[in-house]
Amino acid sequence: MTVRAGLLDRRIRLERRHEETDESGQSVVRWLPLATVWARVEPLGGREGFGQQQWVASGEVRFTIRWRDDVTPLHRVVHDGREYDVVSVAEDGRREALLVVGRARTEGR
C-alpha cells in the first residue's frame, strides 16, 4: 500500500514515556515529545462500562502514519488535545506506513 499524502490530513503528536525520581524519592512519569507527524485518523468504535466504582468509557482510533521504526505500545498519541494510549502498532506495506491503534479513556460520570 502506498500512503497518499492527501489522506494524511491531521497533525498528531507522538510522545514517549519518561520516568524519573523527584526529590522525595517518588517516581514521576512525564511524557516527552517524540515527533509531530501527519496522519489519517479513523474512529474504530467505543464502549462504556462500570468498573472500580465508576463509569468508564473508552474509544479506539486508528492513526495511519508514514513508516518509522521508533513507535511502540509504550508510546502515546495526542490528537486534538486528547491523549490515546497506543494499543498496537502494525506495519502496512513494506515499510510504507504504520497503523497505530490508540485508546482514549474517560472516567467518571
PDB file of N, CA and C in Angstrom:
ATOM      1  N   MET A   1       0.837  -1.184   0.000  1.00  0.00           N
ATOM      2  CA  MET A   1       0.000   0.000   0.000  1.00  0.00           C
ATOM      3  C   MET A   1       0.877   1.241   0.000  1.00  0.00           C
ATOM      4  N   THR A   2       0.615   2.139  -0.889  1.00  0.00           N
ATOM      5  CA  THR A   2       1.306   3.415  -0.898  1.00  0.00           C
ATOM      6  C   THR A   2       0.473   4.415  -0.116  1.00  0.00           C
ATOM      7  N   VAL A   3       1.103   5.136   0.791  1.00  0.00           N
ATOM      8  CA  VAL A   3       0.386   6.127   1.588  1.00  0.00           C
ATOM      9  C   VAL A   3       0.314   7.414   0.790  1.00  0.00           C
ATOM     10  N   ARG A   4      -0.894   7.772   0.375  1.00  0.00           N
ATOM     11  CA  ARG A   4      -1.081   9.008  -0.380  1.00  0.00           C
ATOM     12  C   ARG A   4      -1.106  10.188   0.585  1.00  0.00           C
ATOM     13  N   ALA A   5      -0.327  11.207   0.253  1.00  0.00           N
ATOM     14  CA  ALA A   5      -0.208  12.379   1.121  1.00  0.00           C
ATOM     15  C   ALA A   5      -1.551  13.027   1.419  1.00  0.00           C
ATOM     16  N   GLY A   6      -2.473  13.004   0.460  1.00  0.00           N
ATOM     17  CA  GLY A   6      -3.777  13.632   0.660  1.00  0.00           C
ATOM     18  C   GLY A   6      -4.601  12.997   1.765  1.00  0.00           C
ATOM     19  N   LEU A   7      -4.346  11.723   2.072  1.00  0.00           N
ATOM     20  CA  LEU A   7      -5.083  11.047   3.138  1.00  0.00           C
ATOM     21  C   LEU A   7      -4.539  11.399   4.521  1.00  0.00           C
ATOM     22  N   LEU A   8      -3.297  11.832   4.571  1.00  0.00           N
ATOM     23  CA  LEU A   8      -2.671  12.192   5.848  1.00  0.00           C
ATOM     24  C   LEU A   8      -2.947  13.671   6.100  1.00  0.00           C
ATOM     25  N   ASP A   9      -4.147  13.940   6.623  1.00  0.00           N
ATOM     26  CA  ASP A   9      -4.598  15.331   6.717  1.00  0.00           C
ATOM     27  C   ASP A   9      -4.763  15.859   8.137  1.00  0.00           C
ATOM     28  N   ARG A  10      -4.285  15.133   9.124  1.00  0.00           N
ATOM     29  CA  ARG A  10      -4.370  15.560  10.525  1.00  0.00           C
ATOM     30  C   ARG A  10      -2.984  15.557  11.153  1.00  0.00           C
ATOM     31  N   ARG A  11      -2.744  16.494  12.050  1.00  0.00           N
ATOM     32  CA  ARG A  11      -1.470  16.526  12.771  1.00  0.00           C
ATOM     33  C   ARG A  11      -1.655  15.821  14.103  1.00  0.00           C
ATOM     34  N   ILE A  12      -0.735  14.918  14.415  1.00  0.00           N
ATOM     35  CA  ILE A  12      -0.738  14.251  15.714  1.00  0.00           C
ATOM     36  C   ILE A  12       0.653  14.371  16.316  1.00  0.00           C
ATOM     37  N   ARG A  13       0.705  14.252  17.631  1.00  0.00           N
ATOM     38  CA  ARG A  13       1.993  14.267  18.324  1.00  0.00           C
ATOM     39  C   ARG A  13       2.226  12.905  18.954  1.00  0.00           C
ATOM     40  N   LEU A  14       3.374  12.328  18.676  1.00  0.00           N
ATOM     41  CA  LEU A  14       3.788  11.077  19.303  1.00  0.00           C
ATOM     42  C   LEU A  14       4.610  11.450  20.532  1.00  0.00           C
ATOM     43  N   GLU A  15       4.332  10.784  21.645  1.00  0.00           N
ATOM     44  CA  GLU A  15       5.069  11.061  22.882  1.00  0.00           C
ATOM     45  C   GLU A  15       5.612   9.774  23.469  1.00  0.00           C
ATOM     46  N   ARG A  16       6.752   9.905  24.140  1.00  0.00           N
ATOM     47  CA  ARG A  16       7.354   8.741  24.801  1.00  0.00           C
ATOM     48  C   ARG A  16       7.337   8.950  26.307  1.00  0.00           C
ATOM     49  N   ARG A  17       7.190   7.860  27.013  1.00  0.00           N
ATOM     50  CA  ARG A  17       7.127   7.872  28.478  1.00  0.00           C
ATOM     51  C   ARG A  17       8.529   8.030  29.044  1.00  0.00           C
ATOM     52  N   HIS A  18       8.653   8.889  30.045  1.00  0.00           N
ATOM     53  CA  HIS A  18       9.936   9.098  30.716  1.00  0.00           C
ATOM     54  C   HIS A  18       9.691   9.083  32.221  1.00  0.00           C
ATOM     55  N   GLU A  19      10.338   8.154  32.912  1.00  0.00           N
ATOM     56  CA  GLU A  19      10.182   8.056  34.359  1.00  0.00           C
ATOM     57  C   GLU A  19      11.408   8.622  35.035  1.00  0.00           C
ATOM     58  N   GLU A  20      11.182   9.414  36.067  1.00  0.00           N
ATOM     59  CA  GLU A  20      12.291   9.963  36.843  1.00  0.00           C
ATOM     60  C   GLU A  20      11.884   9.981  38.304  1.00  0.00           C
ATOM     61  N   THR A  21      12.845  10.221  39.155  1.00  0.00           N
ATOM     62  CA  THR A  21      12.606  10.267  40.594  1.00  0.00           C
ATOM     63  C   THR A  21      12.715  11.709  41.068  1.00  0.00           C
ATOM     64  N   ASP A  22      11.714  12.147  41.828  1.00  0.00           N
ATOM     65  CA  ASP A  22      11.766  13.519  42.336  1.00  0.00           C
ATOM     66  C   ASP A  22      12.592  13.586  43.626  1.00  0.00           C
ATOM     67  N   GLU A  23      12.661  14.776  44.228  1.00  0.00           N
ATOM     68  CA  GLU A  23      13.493  14.983  45.421  1.00  0.00           C
ATOM     69  C   GLU A  23      13.081  14.114  46.601  1.00  0.00           C
ATOM     70  N   SER A  24      11.788  13.754  46.673  1.00  0.00           N
ATOM     71  CA  SER A  24      11.315  12.943  47.795  1.00  0.00           C
ATOM     72  C   SER A  24      11.460  11.445  47.537  1.00  0.00           C
ATOM     73  N   GLY A  25      12.008  11.075  46.382  1.00  0.00           N
ATOM     74  CA  GLY A  25      12.201   9.663  46.060  1.00  0.00           C
ATOM     75  C   GLY A  25      11.019   9.029  45.347  1.00  0.00           C
ATOM     76  N   GLN A  26       9.996   9.805  45.048  1.00  0.00           N
ATOM     77  CA  GLN A  26       8.818   9.298  44.352  1.00  0.00           C
ATOM     78  C   GLN A  26       9.093   9.197  42.852  1.00  0.00           C
ATOM     79  N   SER A  27       8.560   8.166  42.247  1.00  0.00           N
ATOM     80  CA  SER A  27       8.681   8.004  40.807  1.00  0.00           C
ATOM     81  C   SER A  27       7.656   8.901  40.120  1.00  0.00           C
ATOM     82  N   VAL A  28       8.123   9.691  39.156  1.00  0.00           N
ATOM     83  CA  VAL A  28       7.262  10.623  38.438  1.00  0.00           C
ATOM     84  C   VAL A  28       7.323  10.279  36.950  1.00  0.00           C
ATOM     85  N   VAL A  29       6.159  10.177  36.323  1.00  0.00           N
ATOM     86  CA  VAL A  29       6.091   9.873  34.895  1.00  0.00           C
ATOM     87  C   VAL A  29       5.803  11.161  34.140  1.00  0.00           C
ATOM     88  N   ARG A  30       6.621  11.423  33.135  1.00  0.00           N
ATOM     89  CA  ARG A  30       6.401  12.565  32.244  1.00  0.00           C
ATOM     90  C   ARG A  30       6.346  12.034  30.827  1.00  0.00           C
ATOM     91  N   TRP A  31       5.625  12.733  29.979  1.00  0.00           N
ATOM     92  CA  TRP A  31       5.533  12.364  28.568  1.00  0.00           C
ATOM     93  C   TRP A  31       6.300  13.402  27.773  1.00  0.00           C
ATOM     94  N   LEU A  32       7.310  12.942  27.034  1.00  0.00           N
ATOM     95  CA  LEU A  32       8.156  13.830  26.244  1.00  0.00           C
ATOM     96  C   LEU A  32       7.814  13.697  24.760  1.00  0.00           C
ATOM     97  N   PRO A  33       7.854  14.807  24.019  1.00  0.00           N
ATOM     98  CA  PRO A  33       7.553  14.736  22.591  1.00  0.00           C
ATOM     99  C   PRO A  33       8.567  13.879  21.837  1.00  0.00           C
ATOM    100  N   LEU A  34       8.076  13.026  20.962  1.00  0.00           N
ATOM    101  CA  LEU A  34       8.927  12.219  20.094  1.00  0.00           C
ATOM    102  C   LEU A  34       8.926  12.829  18.695  1.00  0.00           C
ATOM    103  N   ALA A  35       7.729  13.140  18.170  1.00  0.00           N
ATOM    104  CA  ALA A  35       7.619  13.734  16.832  1.00  0.00           C
ATOM    105  C   ALA A  35       6.194  14.235  16.620  1.00  0.00           C
ATOM    106  N   THR A  36       6.050  15.206  15.747  1.00  0.00           N
ATOM    107  CA  THR A  36       4.744  15.647  15.268  1.00  0.00           C
ATOM    108  C   THR A  36       4.683  15.260  13.798  1.00  0.00           C
ATOM    109  N   VAL A  37       3.654  14.479  13.448  1.00  0.00           N
ATOM    110  CA  VAL A  37       3.578  13.903  12.101  1.00  0.00           C
ATOM    111  C   VAL A  37       2.174  14.072  11.526  1.00  0.00           C
ATOM    112  N   TRP A  38       2.074  13.903  10.205  1.00  0.00           N
ATOM    113  CA  TRP A  38       0.782  13.886   9.525  1.00  0.00           C
ATOM    114  C   TRP A  38       0.185  12.492   9.634  1.00  0.00           C
ATOM    115  N   ALA A  39      -1.129  12.418   9.794  1.00  0.00           N
ATOM    116  CA  ALA A  39      -1.790  11.123   9.969  1.00  0.00           C
ATOM    117  C   ALA A  39      -3.184  11.131   9.363  1.00  0.00           C
ATOM    118  N   ARG A  40      -3.653   9.934   9.093  1.00  0.00           N
ATOM    119  CA  ARG A  40      -5.067   9.708   8.775  1.00  0.00           C
ATOM    120  C   ARG A  40      -5.688   9.195  10.068  1.00  0.00           C
ATOM    121  N   VAL A  41      -6.829   9.741  10.452  1.00  0.00           N
ATOM    122  CA  VAL A  41      -7.461   9.393  11.726  1.00  0.00           C
ATOM    123  C   VAL A  41      -8.808   8.749  11.439  1.00  0.00           C
ATOM    124  N   GLU A  42      -8.985   7.503  11.936  1.00  0.00           N
ATOM    125  CA  GLU A  42     -10.232   6.758  11.709  1.00  0.00           C
ATOM    126  C   GLU A  42     -10.759   6.202  13.030  1.00  0.00           C
ATOM    127  N   PRO A  43     -11.926   6.659  13.491  1.00  0.00           N
ATOM    128  CA  PRO A  43     -12.524   6.089  14.696  1.00  0.00           C
ATOM    129  C   PRO A  43     -12.880   4.616  14.473  1.00  0.00           C
ATOM    130  N   LEU A  44     -12.607   3.784  15.458  1.00  0.00           N
ATOM    131  CA  LEU A  44     -12.907   2.353  15.361  1.00  0.00           C
ATOM    132  C   LEU A  44     -14.077   1.938  16.240  1.00  0.00           C
ATOM    133  N   GLY A  45     -14.555   2.823  17.090  1.00  0.00           N
ATOM    134  CA  GLY A  45     -15.682   2.486  17.970  1.00  0.00           C
ATOM    135  C   GLY A  45     -15.325   2.738  19.415  1.00  0.00           C
ATOM    136  N   GLY A  46     -16.289   2.490  20.273  1.00  0.00           N
ATOM    137  CA  GLY A  46     -16.081   2.722  21.696  1.00  0.00           C
ATOM    138  C   GLY A  46     -16.995   1.847  22.516  1.00  0.00           C
ATOM    139  N   ARG A  47     -16.844   1.977  23.834  1.00  0.00           N
ATOM    140  CA  ARG A  47     -17.706   1.202  24.734  1.00  0.00           C
ATOM    141  C   ARG A  47     -17.748   1.873  26.104  1.00  0.00           C
ATOM    142  N   GLU A  48     -18.761   1.502  26.865  1.00  0.00           N
ATOM    143  CA  GLU A  48     -18.925   2.006  28.221  1.00  0.00           C
ATOM    144  C   GLU A  48     -19.107   0.838  29.155  1.00  0.00           C
ATOM    145  N   GLY A  49     -18.734   1.044  30.403  1.00  0.00           N
ATOM    146  CA  GLY A  49     -18.939   0.009  31.395  1.00  0.00           C
ATOM    147  C   GLY A  49     -18.741   0.583  32.781  1.00  0.00           C
ATOM    148  N   PHE A  50     -19.096  -0.208  33.779  1.00  0.00           N
ATOM    149  CA  PHE A  50     -18.933   0.223  35.167  1.00  0.00           C
ATOM    150  C   PHE A  50     -17.798  -0.586  35.757  1.00  0.00           C
ATOM    151  N   GLY A  51     -16.791   0.097  36.268  1.00  0.00           N
ATOM    152  CA  GLY A  51     -15.658  -0.601  36.873  1.00  0.00           C
ATOM    153  C   GLY A  51     -14.998   0.271  37.911  1.00  0.00           C
ATOM    154  N   GLN A  52     -14.543  -0.325  38.975  1.00  0.00           N
ATOM    155  CA  GLN A  52     -13.855   0.369  40.060  1.00  0.00           C
ATOM    156  C   GLN A  52     -14.686   1.533  40.594  1.00  0.00           C
ATOM    157  N   GLN A  53     -15.970   1.272  40.839  1.00  0.00           N
ATOM    158  CA  GLN A  53     -16.885   2.226  41.445  1.00  0.00           C
ATOM    159  C   GLN A  53     -17.188   3.447  40.590  1.00  0.00           C
ATOM    160  N   GLN A  54     -17.006   3.359  39.273  1.00  0.00           N
ATOM    161  CA  GLN A  54     -17.325   4.491  38.408  1.00  0.00           C
ATOM    162  C   GLN A  54     -17.578   4.024  36.984  1.00  0.00           C
ATOM    163  N   TRP A  55     -18.233   4.885  36.199  1.00  0.00           N
ATOM    164  CA  TRP A  55     -18.446   4.599  34.782  1.00  0.00           C
ATOM    165  C   TRP A  55     -17.155   4.886  34.039  1.00  0.00           C
ATOM    166  N   VAL A  56     -16.808   3.996  33.125  1.00  0.00           N
ATOM    167  CA  VAL A  56     -15.604   4.173  32.313  1.00  0.00           C
ATOM    168  C   VAL A  56     -16.001   4.038  30.848  1.00  0.00           C
ATOM    169  N   ALA A  57     -15.621   5.027  30.049  1.00  0.00           N
ATOM    170  CA  ALA A  57     -15.891   4.982  28.609  1.00  0.00           C
ATOM    171  C   ALA A  57     -14.558   4.998  27.892  1.00  0.00           C
ATOM    172  N   SER A  58     -14.447   4.229  26.832  1.00  0.00           N
ATOM    173  CA  SER A  58     -13.200   4.233  26.060  1.00  0.00           C
ATOM    174  C   SER A  58     -13.542   4.197  24.579  1.00  0.00           C
ATOM    175  N   GLY A  59     -12.660   4.766  23.786  1.00  0.00           N
ATOM    176  CA  GLY A  59     -12.841   4.763  22.345  1.00  0.00           C
ATOM    177  C   GLY A  59     -11.518   4.472  21.674  1.00  0.00           C
ATOM    178  N   GLU A  60     -11.554   3.726  20.596  1.00  0.00           N
ATOM    179  CA  GLU A  60     -10.333   3.400  19.870  1.00  0.00           C
ATOM    180  C   GLU A  60     -10.307   4.122  18.537  1.00  0.00           C
ATOM    181  N   VAL A  61      -9.104   4.524  18.155  1.00  0.00           N
ATOM    182  CA  VAL A  61      -8.879   5.250  16.914  1.00  0.00           C
ATOM    183  C   VAL A  61      -7.663   4.642  16.229  1.00  0.00           C
ATOM    184  N   ARG A  62      -7.732   4.510  14.893  1.00  0.00           N
ATOM    185  CA  ARG A  62      -6.563   4.054  14.132  1.00  0.00           C
ATOM    186  C   ARG A  62      -5.933   5.281  13.471  1.00  0.00           C
ATOM    187  N   PHE A  63      -4.639   5.439  13.732  1.00  0.00           N
ATOM    188  CA  PHE A  63      -3.851   6.505  13.129  1.00  0.00           C
ATOM    189  C   PHE A  63      -2.936   5.866  12.089  1.00  0.00           C
ATOM    190  N   THR A  64      -3.039   6.282  10.848  1.00  0.00           N
ATOM    191  CA  THR A  64      -2.138   5.807   9.804  1.00  0.00           C
ATOM    192  C   THR A  64      -1.102   6.902   9.579  1.00  0.00           C
ATOM    193  N   ILE A  65       0.170   6.532   9.740  1.00  0.00           N
ATOM    194  CA  ILE A  65       1.262   7.495   9.564  1.00  0.00           C
ATOM    195  C   ILE A  65       2.306   6.887   8.633  1.00  0.00           C
ATOM    196  N   ARG A  66       3.193   7.710   8.143  1.00  0.00           N
ATOM    197  CA  ARG A  66       4.302   7.185   7.347  1.00  0.00           C
ATOM    198  C   ARG A  66       5.151   6.290   8.244  1.00  0.00           C
ATOM    199  N   TRP A  67       5.776   5.283   7.650  1.00  0.00           N
ATOM    200  CA  TRP A  67       6.531   4.297   8.408  1.00  0.00           C
ATOM    201  C   TRP A  67       7.685   4.942   9.152  1.00  0.00           C
ATOM    202  N   ARG A  68       7.863   4.499  10.377  1.00  0.00           N
ATOM    203  CA  ARG A  68       9.026   4.866  11.189  1.00  0.00           C
ATOM    204  C   ARG A  68       9.283   3.708  12.140  1.00  0.00           C
ATOM    205  N   ASP A  69      10.503   3.591  12.615  1.00  0.00           N
ATOM    206  CA  ASP A  69      10.856   2.417  13.421  1.00  0.00           C
ATOM    207  C   ASP A  69      10.892   2.680  14.919  1.00  0.00           C
ATOM    208  N   ASP A  70      10.423   3.836  15.362  1.00  0.00           N
ATOM    209  CA  ASP A  70      10.553   4.168  16.779  1.00  0.00           C
ATOM    210  C   ASP A  70       9.221   4.313  17.515  1.00  0.00           C
ATOM    211  N   VAL A  71       8.146   3.730  16.996  1.00  0.00           N
ATOM    212  CA  VAL A  71       6.845   3.803  17.661  1.00  0.00           C
ATOM    213  C   VAL A  71       6.499   2.414  18.195  1.00  0.00           C
ATOM    214  N   THR A  72       6.165   2.349  19.484  1.00  0.00           N
ATOM    215  CA  THR A  72       5.828   1.079  20.136  1.00  0.00           C
ATOM    216  C   THR A  72       4.591   1.288  21.023  1.00  0.00           C
ATOM    217  N   PRO A  73       4.040   0.206  21.579  1.00  0.00           N
ATOM    218  CA  PRO A  73       2.924   0.356  22.521  1.00  0.00           C
ATOM    219  C   PRO A  73       3.313   1.071  23.821  1.00  0.00           C
ATOM    220  N   LEU A  74       4.564   1.420  23.996  1.00  0.00           N
ATOM    221  CA  LEU A  74       4.977   2.182  25.175  1.00  0.00           C
ATOM    222  C   LEU A  74       4.807   3.682  24.956  1.00  0.00           C
ATOM    223  N   HIS A  75       4.349   4.080  23.787  1.00  0.00           N
ATOM    224  CA  HIS A  75       4.169   5.481  23.460  1.00  0.00           C
ATOM    225  C   HIS A  75       2.697   5.878  23.583  1.00  0.00           C
ATOM    226  N   ARG A  76       2.442   7.153  23.344  1.00  0.00           N
ATOM    227  CA  ARG A  76       1.062   7.614  23.263  1.00  0.00           C
ATOM    228  C   ARG A  76       0.946   8.636  22.145  1.00  0.00           C
ATOM    229  N   VAL A  77      -0.302   8.872  21.726  1.00  0.00           N
ATOM    230  CA  VAL A  77      -0.609   9.816  20.655  1.00  0.00           C
ATOM    231  C   VAL A  77      -1.481  10.922  21.245  1.00  0.00           C
ATOM    232  N   VAL A  78      -1.206  12.154  20.855  1.00  0.00           N
ATOM    233  CA  VAL A  78      -2.060  13.275  21.242  1.00  0.00           C
ATOM    234  C   VAL A  78      -2.650  13.849  19.963  1.00  0.00           C
ATOM    235  N   HIS A  79      -3.986  13.893  19.913  1.00  0.00           N
ATOM    236  CA  HIS A  79      -4.697  14.417  18.735  1.00  0.00           C
ATOM    237  C   HIS A  79      -5.858  15.273  19.217  1.00  0.00           C
ATOM    238  N   ASP A  80      -5.938  16.485  18.742  1.00  0.00           N
ATOM    239  CA  ASP A  80      -6.994  17.427  19.132  1.00  0.00           C
ATOM    240  C   ASP A  80      -7.105  17.557  20.651  1.00  0.00           C
ATOM    241  N   GLY A  81      -5.973  17.567  21.335  1.00  0.00           N
ATOM    242  CA  GLY A  81      -5.962  17.748  22.782  1.00  0.00           C
ATOM    243  C   GLY A  81      -6.319  16.516  23.587  1.00  0.00           C
ATOM    244  N   ARG A  82      -6.559  15.401  22.924  1.00  0.00           N
ATOM    245  CA  ARG A  82      -6.922  14.157  23.617  1.00  0.00           C
ATOM    246  C   ARG A  82      -5.774  13.169  23.550  1.00  0.00           C
ATOM    247  N   GLU A  83      -5.527  12.475  24.650  1.00  0.00           N
ATOM    248  CA  GLU A  83      -4.421  11.517  24.730  1.00  0.00           C
ATOM    249  C   GLU A  83      -4.925  10.097  24.492  1.00  0.00           C
ATOM    250  N   TYR A  84      -4.172   9.349  23.688  1.00  0.00           N
ATOM    251  CA  TYR A  84      -4.506   7.967  23.349  1.00  0.00           C
ATOM    252  C   TYR A  84      -3.327   7.073  23.703  1.00  0.00           C
ATOM    253  N   ASP A  85      -3.571   6.061  24.536  1.00  0.00           N
ATOM    254  CA  ASP A  85      -2.549   5.052  24.805  1.00  0.00           C
ATOM    255  C   ASP A  85      -2.424   4.177  23.572  1.00  0.00           C
ATOM    256  N   VAL A  86      -1.206   3.911  23.139  1.00  0.00           N
ATOM    257  CA  VAL A  86      -1.004   3.055  21.969  1.00  0.00           C
ATOM    258  C   VAL A  86      -1.271   1.610  22.370  1.00  0.00           C
ATOM    259  N   VAL A  87      -2.216   0.987  21.680  1.00  0.00           N
ATOM    260  CA  VAL A  87      -2.608  -0.396  21.946  1.00  0.00           C
ATOM    261  C   VAL A  87      -1.830  -1.346  21.042  1.00  0.00           C
ATOM    262  N   SER A  88      -1.660  -0.960  19.773  1.00  0.00           N
ATOM    263  CA  SER A  88      -0.915  -1.813  18.847  1.00  0.00           C
ATOM    264  C   SER A  88      -0.299  -0.967  17.739  1.00  0.00           C
ATOM    265  N   VAL A  89       0.769  -1.519  17.173  1.00  0.00           N
ATOM    266  CA  VAL A  89       1.466  -0.890  16.053  1.00  0.00           C
ATOM    267  C   VAL A  89       1.722  -1.986  15.028  1.00  0.00           C
ATOM    268  N   ALA A  90       1.280  -1.766  13.779  1.00  0.00           N
ATOM    269  CA  ALA A  90       1.473  -2.761  12.725  1.00  0.00           C
ATOM    270  C   ALA A  90       1.996  -2.080  11.473  1.00  0.00           C
ATOM    271  N   GLU A  91       2.904  -2.756  10.813  1.00  0.00           N
ATOM    272  CA  GLU A  91       3.443  -2.254   9.543  1.00  0.00           C
ATOM    273  C   GLU A  91       2.423  -2.508   8.438  1.00  0.00           C
ATOM    274  N   ASP A  92       2.245  -1.525   7.568  1.00  0.00           N
ATOM    275  CA  ASP A  92       1.349  -1.668   6.426  1.00  0.00           C
ATOM    276  C   ASP A  92       2.185  -1.496   5.169  1.00  0.00           C
ATOM    277  N   GLY A  93       2.235  -2.516   4.342  1.00  0.00           N
ATOM    278  CA  GLY A  93       3.119  -2.474   3.188  1.00  0.00           C
ATOM    279  C   GLY A  93       4.547  -2.802   3.620  1.00  0.00           C
ATOM    280  N   ARG A  94       5.474  -2.539   2.766  1.00  0.00           N
ATOM    281  CA  ARG A  94       6.877  -2.806   3.070  1.00  0.00           C
ATOM    282  C   ARG A  94       7.541  -1.517   3.523  1.00  0.00           C
ATOM    283  N   ARG A  95       7.404  -1.262   4.825  1.00  0.00           N
ATOM    284  CA  ARG A  95       7.952  -0.041   5.424  1.00  0.00           C
ATOM    285  C   ARG A  95       7.401   1.216   4.761  1.00  0.00           C
ATOM    286  N   GLU A  96       6.120   1.180   4.435  1.00  0.00           N
ATOM    287  CA  GLU A  96       5.469   2.333   3.822  1.00  0.00           C
ATOM    288  C   GLU A  96       4.639   3.111   4.831  1.00  0.00           C
ATOM    289  N   ALA A  97       3.939   2.389   5.706  1.00  0.00           N
ATOM    290  CA  ALA A  97       3.062   3.050   6.665  1.00  0.00           C
ATOM    291  C   ALA A  97       3.008   2.252   7.961  1.00  0.00           C
ATOM    292  N   LEU A  98       2.572   2.925   9.020  1.00  0.00           N
ATOM    293  CA  LEU A  98       2.304   2.274  10.297  1.00  0.00           C
ATOM    294  C   LEU A  98       0.836   2.490  10.618  1.00  0.00           C
ATOM    295  N   LEU A  99       0.206   1.438  11.102  1.00  0.00           N
ATOM    296  CA  LEU A  99      -1.156   1.521  11.607  1.00  0.00           C
ATOM    297  C   LEU A  99      -1.054   1.493  13.125  1.00  0.00           C
ATOM    298  N   VAL A 100      -1.349   2.608  13.746  1.00  0.00           N
ATOM    299  CA  VAL A 100      -1.220   2.754  15.197  1.00  0.00           C
ATOM    300  C   VAL A 100      -2.627   2.847  15.779  1.00  0.00           C
ATOM    301  N   VAL A 101      -2.995   1.866  16.611  1.00  0.00           N
ATOM    302  CA  VAL A 101      -4.302   1.893  17.257  1.00  0.00           C
ATOM    303  C   VAL A 101      -4.116   2.459  18.651  1.00  0.00           C
ATOM    304  N   GLY A 102      -4.895   3.504  18.937  1.00  0.00           N
ATOM    305  CA  GLY A 102      -4.826   4.148  20.243  1.00  0.00           C
ATOM    306  C   GLY A 102      -6.169   4.084  20.947  1.00  0.00           C
ATOM    307  N   ARG A 103      -6.115   4.059  22.275  1.00  0.00           N
ATOM    308  CA  ARG A 103      -7.338   4.005  23.078  1.00  0.00           C
ATOM    309  C   ARG A 103      -7.363   5.202  24.021  1.00  0.00           C
ATOM    310  N   ALA A 104      -8.438   5.973  23.910  1.00  0.00           N
ATOM    311  CA  ALA A 104      -8.656   7.101  24.816  1.00  0.00           C
ATOM    312  C   ALA A 104      -9.576   6.632  25.950  1.00  0.00           C
ATOM    313  N   ARG A 105      -9.378   7.178  27.114  1.00  0.00           N
ATOM    314  CA  ARG A 105     -10.204   6.788  28.253  1.00  0.00           C
ATOM    315  C   ARG A 105     -10.779   8.020  28.929  1.00  0.00           C
ATOM    316  N   THR A 106     -12.046   7.927  29.294  1.00  0.00           N
ATOM    317  CA  THR A 106     -12.678   8.971  30.068  1.00  0.00           C
ATOM    318  C   THR A 106     -13.309   8.287  31.264  1.00  0.00           C
ATOM    319  N   GLU A 107     -13.009   8.775  32.443  1.00  0.00           N
ATOM    320  CA  GLU A 107     -13.544   8.133  33.647  1.00  0.00           C
ATOM    321  C   GLU A 107     -14.503   9.053  34.377  1.00  0.00           C
ATOM    322  N   GLY A 108     -15.424   8.424  35.066  1.00  0.00           N
ATOM    323  CA  GLY A 108     -16.341   9.146  35.923  1.00  0.00           C
ATOM    324  C   GLY A 108     -17.423   9.881  35.166  1.00  0.00           C
ATOM    325  N   ARG A 109     -18.630   9.762  35.629  1.00  0.00           N
ATOM    326  CA  ARG A 109     -19.771  10.498  35.098  1.00  0.00           C
ATOM    327  C   ARG A 109     -20.753  10.649  36.197  1.00  0.00           C
TER     328      ARG A 109
END
